[in-house]
Amino acid sequence: MKWILEQHNFPYSTIYPGEINAGDLKKKYDVIIFVSGAIPSVSPSGQRAPRDTTKLSDIPAEYRSRWGKISADTSVTVLKKFMEAEVLL
């Protein structure tokens, strides 16, 4: 995805779960593109994927700001608000 955006000179930034979960995405972004697998799936029986047991202390300091979880409870709610927000021209 990054390569395609770069080849067509589209400016982009990579966002991580912490920023998504904080909300207020419309102030900074016009479009958010997710690659396949970025949003965890829920099986037909309603069971979610196994929980990741990684601890923040296990992550090298330079990557800790990228750590977080995309969740149905928080992230999807924030993303829905982003998609439903009115566009002011």
PDB file of N, CA and C in Angstrom:
ATOM      1  N   MET A   1       0.823  -1.177   0.000  1.00  0.00           N
ATOM      2  CA  MET A   1       0.000   0.000   0.000  1.00  0.00           C
ATOM      3  C   MET A   1       0.880   1.259   0.000  1.00  0.00           C
ATOM      4  N   LYS A   2       1.911   1.239   0.829  1.00  0.00           N
ATOM      5  CA  LYS A   2       2.798   2.408   0.879  1.00  0.00           C
ATOM      6  C   LYS A   2       3.440   2.655  -0.489  1.00  0.00           C
ATOM      7  N   TRP A   3       3.848   1.580  -1.143  1.00  0.00           N
ATOM      8  CA  TRP A   3       4.494   1.705  -2.446  1.00  0.00           C
ATOM      9  C   TRP A   3       3.542   2.351  -3.451  1.00  0.00           C
ATOM     10  N   ILE A   4       2.300   1.919  -3.480  1.00  0.00           N
ATOM     11  CA  ILE A   4       1.321   2.487  -4.411  1.00  0.00           C
ATOM     12  C   ILE A   4       1.135   3.977  -4.146  1.00  0.00           C
ATOM     13  N   LEU A   5       0.982   4.347  -2.894  1.00  0.00           N
ATOM     14  CA  LEU A   5       0.808   5.763  -2.550  1.00  0.00           C
ATOM     15  C   LEU A   5       2.034   6.577  -2.962  1.00  0.00           C
ATOM     16  N   GLU A   6       3.214   6.032  -2.719  1.00  0.00           N
ATOM     17  CA  GLU A   6       4.447   6.728  -3.087  1.00  0.00           C
ATOM     18  C   GLU A   6       4.585   6.874  -4.601  1.00  0.00           C
ATOM     19  N   GLN A   7       4.233   5.847  -5.367  1.00  0.00           N
ATOM     20  CA  GLN A   7       4.350   5.889  -6.820  1.00  0.00           C
ATOM     21  C   GLN A   7       3.441   6.953  -7.439  1.00  0.00           C
ATOM     22  N   HIS A   8       2.356   7.270  -6.774  1.00  0.00           N
ATOM     23  CA  HIS A   8       1.412   8.262  -7.286  1.00  0.00           C
ATOM     24  C   HIS A   8       1.480   9.581  -6.522  1.00  0.00           C
ATOM     25  N   ASN A   9       2.547   9.739  -5.748  1.00  0.00           N
ATOM     26  CA  ASN A   9       2.820  10.980  -5.021  1.00  0.00           C
ATOM     27  C   ASN A   9       1.701  11.416  -4.080  1.00  0.00           C
ATOM     28  N   PHE A  10       1.050  10.446  -3.442  1.00  0.00           N
ATOM     29  CA  PHE A  10       0.053  10.761  -2.423  1.00  0.00           C
ATOM     30  C   PHE A  10       0.760  10.875  -1.082  1.00  0.00           C
ATOM     31  N   PRO A  11       0.606  11.999  -0.413  1.00  0.00           N
ATOM     32  CA  PRO A  11       1.190  12.088   0.928  1.00  0.00           C
ATOM     33  C   PRO A  11       0.406  11.175   1.874  1.00  0.00           C
ATOM     34  N   TYR A  12       1.092  10.544   2.794  1.00  0.00           N
ATOM     35  CA  TYR A  12       0.418   9.654   3.740  1.00  0.00           C
ATOM     36  C   TYR A  12       1.170   9.637   5.055  1.00  0.00           C
ATOM     37  N   SER A  13       0.508   9.177   6.060  1.00  0.00           N
ATOM     38  CA  SER A  13       1.161   8.891   7.328  1.00  0.00           C
ATOM     39  C   SER A  13       0.585   7.585   7.851  1.00  0.00           C
ATOM     40  N   THR A  14       1.374   6.904   8.621  1.00  0.00           N
ATOM     41  CA  THR A  14       0.950   5.645   9.206  1.00  0.00           C
ATOM     42  C   THR A  14       0.400   5.942  10.594  1.00  0.00           C
ATOM     43  N   ILE A  15      -0.787   5.408  10.880  1.00  0.00           N
ATOM     44  CA  ILE A  15      -1.347   5.605  12.214  1.00  0.00           C
ATOM     45  C   ILE A  15      -1.421   4.259  12.919  1.00  0.00           C
ATOM     46  N   TYR A  16      -1.382   4.319  14.233  1.00  0.00           N
ATOM     47  CA  TYR A  16      -1.342   3.116  15.054  1.00  0.00           C
ATOM     48  C   TYR A  16      -2.550   3.097  15.987  1.00  0.00           C
ATOM     49  N   PRO A  17      -2.822   1.949  16.602  1.00  0.00           N
ATOM     50  CA  PRO A  17      -4.025   1.811  17.423  1.00  0.00           C
ATOM     51  C   PRO A  17      -4.222   2.890  18.480  1.00  0.00           C
ATOM     52  N   GLY A  18      -3.159   3.315  19.128  1.00  0.00           N
ATOM     53  CA  GLY A  18      -3.298   4.345  20.166  1.00  0.00           C
ATOM     54  C   GLY A  18      -3.918   5.624  19.634  1.00  0.00           C
ATOM     55  N   GLU A  19      -3.488   6.044  18.463  1.00  0.00           N
ATOM     56  CA  GLU A  19      -4.036   7.258  17.852  1.00  0.00           C
ATOM     57  C   GLU A  19      -5.480   7.035  17.411  1.00  0.00           C
ATOM     58  N   ILE A  20      -5.756   5.870  16.867  1.00  0.00           N
ATOM     59  CA  ILE A  20      -7.133   5.566  16.462  1.00  0.00           C
ATOM     60  C   ILE A  20      -8.037   5.574  17.683  1.00  0.00           C
ATOM     61  N   ASN A  21      -7.645   4.883  18.725  1.00  0.00           N
ATOM     62  CA  ASN A  21      -8.475   4.775  19.917  1.00  0.00           C
ATOM     63  C   ASN A  21      -8.661   6.102  20.637  1.00  0.00           C
ATOM     64  N   ALA A  22      -7.737   7.045  20.451  1.00  0.00           N
ATOM     65  CA  ALA A  22      -7.868   8.365  21.072  1.00  0.00           C
ATOM     66  C   ALA A  22      -8.987   9.178  20.427  1.00  0.00           C
ATOM     67  N   GLY A  23      -9.353   8.827  19.194  1.00  0.00           N
ATOM     68  CA  GLY A  23     -10.464   9.505  18.525  1.00  0.00           C
ATOM     69  C   GLY A  23     -10.052  10.807  17.872  1.00  0.00           C
ATOM     70  N   ASP A  24     -11.047  11.600  17.500  1.00  0.00           N
ATOM     71  CA  ASP A  24     -10.855  12.907  16.849  1.00  0.00           C
ATOM     72  C   ASP A  24     -10.048  12.786  15.559  1.00  0.00           C
ATOM     73  N   LEU A  25     -10.260  11.725  14.816  1.00  0.00           N
ATOM     74  CA  LEU A  25      -9.482  11.459  13.612  1.00  0.00           C
ATOM     75  C   LEU A  25      -9.776  12.435  12.485  1.00  0.00           C
ATOM     76  N   LYS A  26     -10.979  12.975  12.439  1.00  0.00           N
ATOM     77  CA  LYS A  26     -11.379  13.866  11.341  1.00  0.00           C
ATOM     78  C   LYS A  26     -10.550  15.148  11.327  1.00  0.00           C
ATOM     79  N   LYS A  27     -10.022  15.550  12.462  1.00  0.00           N
ATOM     80  CA  LYS A  27      -9.197  16.761  12.516  1.00  0.00           C
ATOM     81  C   LYS A  27      -7.895  16.604  11.740  1.00  0.00           C
ATOM     82  N   LYS A  28      -7.433  15.371  11.617  1.00  0.00           N
ATOM     83  CA  LYS A  28      -6.127  15.145  11.005  1.00  0.00           C
ATOM     84  C   LYS A  28      -6.185  14.385   9.681  1.00  0.00           C
ATOM     85  N   TYR A  29      -7.230  13.568   9.466  1.00  0.00           N
ATOM     86  CA  TYR A  29      -7.262  12.693   8.297  1.00  0.00           C
ATOM     87  C   TYR A  29      -8.530  12.883   7.473  1.00  0.00           C
ATOM     88  N   ASP A  30      -8.359  12.784   6.161  1.00  0.00           N
ATOM     89  CA  ASP A  30      -9.495  12.774   5.242  1.00  0.00           C
ATOM     90  C   ASP A  30      -9.889  11.347   4.907  1.00  0.00           C
ATOM     91  N   VAL A  31      -8.903  10.468   4.828  1.00  0.00           N
ATOM     92  CA  VAL A  31      -9.096   9.081   4.420  1.00  0.00           C
ATOM     93  C   VAL A  31      -8.221   8.197   5.302  1.00  0.00           C
ATOM     94  N   ILE A  32      -8.745   7.042   5.662  1.00  0.00           N
ATOM     95  CA  ILE A  32      -7.948   6.034   6.365  1.00  0.00           C
ATOM     96  C   ILE A  32      -8.084   4.743   5.564  1.00  0.00           C
ATOM     97  N   ILE A  33      -6.950   4.163   5.214  1.00  0.00           N
ATOM     98  CA  ILE A  33      -6.919   2.923   4.433  1.00  0.00           C
ATOM     99  C   ILE A  33      -6.380   1.827   5.337  1.00  0.00           C
ATOM    100  N   PHE A  34      -7.106   0.721   5.409  1.00  0.00           N
ATOM    101  CA  PHE A  34      -6.637  -0.431   6.175  1.00  0.00           C
ATOM    102  C   PHE A  34      -6.223  -1.536   5.224  1.00  0.00           C
ATOM    103  N   VAL A  35      -5.101  -2.144   5.508  1.00  0.00           N
ATOM    104  CA  VAL A  35      -4.669  -3.299   4.725  1.00  0.00           C
ATOM    105  C   VAL A  35      -5.376  -4.536   5.275  1.00  0.00           C
ATOM    106  N   SER A  36      -5.400  -5.569   4.486  1.00  0.00           N
ATOM    107  CA  SER A  36      -6.047  -6.815   4.878  1.00  0.00           C
ATOM    108  C   SER A  36      -5.476  -7.322   6.200  1.00  0.00           C
ATOM    109  N   GLY A  37      -6.357  -7.709   7.096  1.00  0.00           N
ATOM    110  CA  GLY A  37      -5.940  -8.247   8.383  1.00  0.00           C
ATOM    111  C   GLY A  37      -5.736  -7.218   9.470  1.00  0.00           C
ATOM    112  N   ALA A  38      -5.881  -5.936   9.169  1.00  0.00           N
ATOM    113  CA  ALA A  38      -5.647  -4.899  10.173  1.00  0.00           C
ATOM    114  C   ALA A  38      -6.741  -4.855  11.231  1.00  0.00           C
ATOM    115  N   ILE A  39      -7.942  -5.222  10.852  1.00  0.00           N
ATOM    116  CA  ILE A  39      -9.061  -5.254  11.796  1.00  0.00           C
ATOM    117  C   ILE A  39      -9.300  -6.721  12.152  1.00  0.00           C
ATOM    118  N   PRO A  40      -9.273  -7.050  13.446  1.00  0.00           N
ATOM    119  CA  PRO A  40      -9.473  -8.452  13.817  1.00  0.00           C
ATOM    120  C   PRO A  40     -10.872  -8.920  13.442  1.00  0.00           C
ATOM    121  N   SER A  41     -10.949 -10.145  12.994  1.00  0.00           N
ATOM    122  CA  SER A  41     -12.244 -10.673  12.583  1.00  0.00           C
ATOM    123  C   SER A  41     -12.928 -11.370  13.748  1.00  0.00           C
ATOM    124  N   VAL A  42     -14.223 -11.477  13.623  1.00  0.00           N
ATOM    125  CA  VAL A  42     -15.015 -12.220  14.588  1.00  0.00           C
ATOM    126  C   VAL A  42     -15.575 -13.413  13.837  1.00  0.00           C
ATOM    127  N   SER A  43     -15.423 -14.584  14.385  1.00  0.00           N
ATOM    128  CA  SER A  43     -15.897 -15.783  13.710  1.00  0.00           C
ATOM    129  C   SER A  43     -17.429 -15.795  13.674  1.00  0.00           C
ATOM    130  N   PRO A  44     -18.019 -16.596  12.788  1.00  0.00           N
ATOM    131  CA  PRO A  44     -19.482 -16.680  12.726  1.00  0.00           C
ATOM    132  C   PRO A  44     -20.120 -17.036  14.062  1.00  0.00           C
ATOM    133  N   SER A  45     -19.406 -17.742  14.915  1.00  0.00           N
ATOM    134  CA  SER A  45     -19.959 -18.114  16.217  1.00  0.00           C
ATOM    135  C   SER A  45     -19.849 -16.969  17.221  1.00  0.00           C
ATOM    136  N   GLY A  46     -19.231 -15.855  16.797  1.00  0.00           N
ATOM    137  CA  GLY A  46     -19.086 -14.694  17.680  1.00  0.00           C
ATOM    138  C   GLY A  46     -17.816 -14.707  18.503  1.00  0.00           C
ATOM    139  N   GLN A  47     -16.984 -15.733  18.347  1.00  0.00           N
ATOM    140  CA  GLN A  47     -15.746 -15.795  19.102  1.00  0.00           C
ATOM    141  C   GLN A  47     -14.684 -14.958  18.425  1.00  0.00           C
ATOM    142  N   ARG A  48     -13.917 -14.270  19.226  1.00  0.00           N
ATOM    143  CA  ARG A  48     -12.840 -13.435  18.705  1.00  0.00           C
ATOM    144  C   ARG A  48     -11.537 -14.210  18.688  1.00  0.00           C
ATOM    145  N   ALA A  49     -10.586 -13.644  17.954  1.00  0.00           N
ATOM    146  CA  ALA A  49      -9.259 -14.268  17.887  1.00  0.00           C
ATOM    147  C   ALA A  49      -8.645 -14.314  19.285  1.00  0.00           C
ATOM    148  N   PRO A  50      -7.712 -15.243  19.528  1.00  0.00           N
ATOM    149  CA  PRO A  50      -7.062 -15.333  20.840  1.00  0.00           C
ATOM    150  C   PRO A  50      -6.391 -14.015  21.212  1.00  0.00           C
ATOM    151  N   ARG A  51      -6.381 -13.720  22.483  1.00  0.00           N
ATOM    152  CA  ARG A  51      -5.792 -12.471  22.982  1.00  0.00           C
ATOM    153  C   ARG A  51      -4.272 -12.521  22.876  1.00  0.00           C
ATOM    154  N   ASP A  52      -3.700 -11.388  22.533  1.00  0.00           N
ATOM    155  CA  ASP A  52      -2.249 -11.238  22.512  1.00  0.00           C
ATOM    156  C   ASP A  52      -1.814 -10.936  23.942  1.00  0.00           C
ATOM    157  N   THR A  53      -0.838 -11.638  24.443  1.00  0.00           N
ATOM    158  CA  THR A  53      -0.392 -11.440  25.820  1.00  0.00           C
ATOM    159  C   THR A  53       0.880 -10.597  25.904  1.00  0.00           C
ATOM    160  N   THR A  54       1.233  -9.917  24.821  1.00  0.00           N
ATOM    161  CA  THR A  54       2.419  -9.066  24.817  1.00  0.00           C
ATOM    162  C   THR A  54       2.247  -7.948  25.833  1.00  0.00           C
ATOM    163  N   LYS A  55       3.298  -7.671  26.574  1.00  0.00           N
ATOM    164  CA  LYS A  55       3.293  -6.581  27.545  1.00  0.00           C
ATOM    165  C   LYS A  55       4.074  -5.413  26.961  1.00  0.00           C
ATOM    166  N   LEU A  56       3.668  -4.209  27.300  1.00  0.00           N
ATOM    167  CA  LEU A  56       4.355  -3.014  26.806  1.00  0.00           C
ATOM    168  C   LEU A  56       5.837  -3.064  27.167  1.00  0.00           C
ATOM    169  N   SER A  57       6.158  -3.598  28.323  1.00  0.00           N
ATOM    170  CA  SER A  57       7.569  -3.666  28.748  1.00  0.00           C
ATOM    171  C   SER A  57       8.390  -4.621  27.880  1.00  0.00           C
ATOM    172  N   ASP A  58       7.721  -5.504  27.132  1.00  0.00           N
ATOM    173  CA  ASP A  58       8.422  -6.429  26.233  1.00  0.00           C
ATOM    174  C   ASP A  58       8.813  -5.774  24.912  1.00  0.00           C
ATOM    175  N   ILE A  59       8.266  -4.613  24.634  1.00  0.00           N
ATOM    176  CA  ILE A  59       8.475  -3.918  23.361  1.00  0.00           C
ATOM    177  C   ILE A  59       9.649  -2.949  23.517  1.00  0.00           C
ATOM    178  N   PRO A  60      10.586  -2.913  22.571  1.00  0.00           N
ATOM    179  CA  PRO A  60      11.670  -1.922  22.647  1.00  0.00           C
ATOM    180  C   PRO A  60      11.100  -0.503  22.720  1.00  0.00           C
ATOM    181  N   ALA A  61      11.730   0.348  23.479  1.00  0.00           N
ATOM    182  CA  ALA A  61      11.233   1.699  23.752  1.00  0.00           C
ATOM    183  C   ALA A  61      10.884   2.476  22.486  1.00  0.00           C
ATOM    184  N   GLU A  62      11.686   2.335  21.425  1.00  0.00           N
ATOM    185  CA  GLU A  62      11.447   3.125  20.212  1.00  0.00           C
ATOM    186  C   GLU A  62      10.182   2.705  19.464  1.00  0.00           C
ATOM    187  N   TYR A  63       9.621   1.539  19.821  1.00  0.00           N
ATOM    188  CA  TYR A  63       8.413   1.055  19.141  1.00  0.00           C
ATOM    189  C   TYR A  63       7.164   1.085  20.020  1.00  0.00           C
ATOM    190  N   ARG A  64       7.288   1.504  21.239  1.00  0.00           N
ATOM    191  CA  ARG A  64       6.150   1.463  22.167  1.00  0.00           C
ATOM    192  C   ARG A  64       4.988   2.357  21.746  1.00  0.00           C
ATOM    193  N   SER A  65       5.271   3.457  21.070  1.00  0.00           N
ATOM    194  CA  SER A  65       4.172   4.342  20.635  1.00  0.00           C
ATOM    195  C   SER A  65       3.321   3.673  19.561  1.00  0.00           C
ATOM    196  N   ARG A  66       3.834   2.650  18.923  1.00  0.00           N
ATOM    197  CA  ARG A  66       3.102   1.930  17.879  1.00  0.00           C
ATOM    198  C   ARG A  66       2.239   0.805  18.439  1.00  0.00           C
ATOM    199  N   TRP A  67       2.497   0.422  19.668  1.00  0.00           N
ATOM    200  CA  TRP A  67       1.824  -0.722  20.263  1.00  0.00           C
ATOM    201  C   TRP A  67       0.395  -0.369  20.654  1.00  0.00           C
ATOM    202  N   GLY A  68      -0.478  -1.310  20.507  1.00  0.00           N
ATOM    203  CA  GLY A  68      -1.862  -1.118  20.915  1.00  0.00           C
ATOM    204  C   GLY A  68      -2.717  -2.158  20.232  1.00  0.00           C
ATOM    205  N   LYS A  69      -3.985  -2.093  20.480  1.00  0.00           N
ATOM    206  CA  LYS A  69      -4.898  -3.085  19.930  1.00  0.00           C
ATOM    207  C   LYS A  69      -6.049  -2.401  19.203  1.00  0.00           C
ATOM    208  N   ILE A  70      -6.377  -2.914  18.045  1.00  0.00           N
ATOM    209  CA  ILE A  70      -7.594  -2.512  17.347  1.00  0.00           C
ATOM    210  C   ILE A  70      -8.687  -3.401  17.914  1.00  0.00           C
ATOM    211  N   SER A  71      -9.697  -2.799  18.501  1.00  0.00           N
ATOM    212  CA  SER A  71     -10.747  -3.590  19.127  1.00  0.00           C
ATOM    213  C   SER A  71     -12.116  -3.209  18.588  1.00  0.00           C
ATOM    214  N   ALA A  72     -13.018  -4.157  18.644  1.00  0.00           N
ATOM    215  CA  ALA A  72     -14.398  -3.892  18.221  1.00  0.00           C
ATOM    216  C   ALA A  72     -15.045  -2.881  19.155  1.00  0.00           C
ATOM    217  N   ASP A  73     -14.716  -2.952  20.430  1.00  0.00           N
ATOM    218  CA  ASP A  73     -15.362  -2.084  21.413  1.00  0.00           C
ATOM    219  C   ASP A  73     -14.945  -0.617  21.287  1.00  0.00           C
ATOM    220  N   THR A  74     -13.666  -0.357  21.137  1.00  0.00           N
ATOM    221  CA  THR A  74     -13.167   1.019  21.101  1.00  0.00           C
ATOM    222  C   THR A  74     -12.880   1.490  19.683  1.00  0.00           C
ATOM    223  N   SER A  75     -11.985   0.808  19.008  1.00  0.00           N
ATOM    224  CA  SER A  75     -11.499   1.256  17.700  1.00  0.00           C
ATOM    225  C   SER A  75     -12.600   1.339  16.658  1.00  0.00           C
ATOM    226  N   VAL A  76     -13.411   0.315  16.569  1.00  0.00           N
ATOM    227  CA  VAL A  76     -14.454   0.297  15.536  1.00  0.00           C
ATOM    228  C   VAL A  76     -15.461   1.413  15.785  1.00  0.00           C
ATOM    229  N   THR A  77     -15.766   1.701  17.046  1.00  0.00           N
ATOM    230  CA  THR A  77     -16.674   2.805  17.370  1.00  0.00           C
ATOM    231  C   THR A  77     -16.089   4.129  16.901  1.00  0.00           C
ATOM    232  N   VAL A  78     -14.807   4.353  17.166  1.00  0.00           N
ATOM    233  CA  VAL A  78     -14.134   5.591  16.745  1.00  0.00           C
ATOM    234  C   VAL A  78     -14.097   5.683  15.219  1.00  0.00           C
ATOM    235  N   LEU A  79     -13.787   4.583  14.558  1.00  0.00           N
ATOM    236  CA  LEU A  79     -13.719   4.588  13.093  1.00  0.00           C
ATOM    237  C   LEU A  79     -15.098   4.830  12.473  1.00  0.00           C
ATOM    238  N   LYS A  80     -16.132   4.323  13.103  1.00  0.00           N
ATOM    239  CA  LYS A  80     -17.497   4.561  12.614  1.00  0.00           C
ATOM    240  C   LYS A  80     -17.826   6.051  12.693  1.00  0.00           C
ATOM    241  N   LYS A  81     -17.450   6.696  13.804  1.00  0.00           N
ATOM    242  CA  LYS A  81     -17.665   8.147  13.943  1.00  0.00           C
ATOM    243  C   LYS A  81     -16.897   8.899  12.859  1.00  0.00           C
ATOM    244  N   PHE A  82     -15.669   8.463  12.580  1.00  0.00           N
ATOM    245  CA  PHE A  82     -14.862   9.089  11.534  1.00  0.00           C
ATOM    246  C   PHE A  82     -15.574   9.010  10.191  1.00  0.00           C
ATOM    247  N   MET A  83     -16.113   7.842   9.861  1.00  0.00           N
ATOM    248  CA  MET A  83     -16.766   7.647   8.577  1.00  0.00           C
ATOM    249  C   MET A  83     -18.083   8.407   8.476  1.00  0.00           C
ATOM    250  N   GLU A  84     -18.750   8.581   9.599  1.00  0.00           N
ATOM    251  CA  GLU A  84     -20.056   9.243   9.576  1.00  0.00           C
ATOM    252  C   GLU A  84     -19.963  10.767   9.710  1.00  0.00           C
ATOM    253  N   ALA A  85     -18.785  11.280  10.026  1.00  0.00           N
ATOM    254  CA  ALA A  85     -18.619  12.721  10.230  1.00  0.00           C
ATOM    255  C   ALA A  85     -18.888  13.471   8.928  1.00  0.00           C
ATOM    256  N   GLU A  86     -19.524  14.613   9.083  1.00  0.00           N
ATOM    257  CA  GLU A  86     -19.807  15.434   7.903  1.00  0.00           C
ATOM    258  C   GLU A  86     -18.515  16.037   7.371  1.00  0.00           C
ATOM    259  N   VAL A  87     -18.463  16.157   6.079  1.00  0.00           N
ATOM    260  CA  VAL A  87     -17.320  16.782   5.428  1.00  0.00           C
ATOM    261  C   VAL A  87     -17.671  18.256   5.234  1.00  0.00           C
ATOM    262  N   LEU A  88     -16.837  19.113   5.753  1.00  0.00           N
ATOM    263  CA  LEU A  88     -17.055  20.561   5.612  1.00  0.00           C
ATOM    264  C   LEU A  88     -16.168  21.088   4.501  1.00  0.00           C
ATOM    265  N   LEU A  89     -16.785  21.635   3.465  1.00  0.00           N
ATOM    266  CA  LEU A  89     -16.014  22.168   2.346  1.00  0.00           C
ATOM    267  C   LEU A  89     -15.945  23.665   2.407  1.00  0.00           C
TER     268      LEU A  89
END
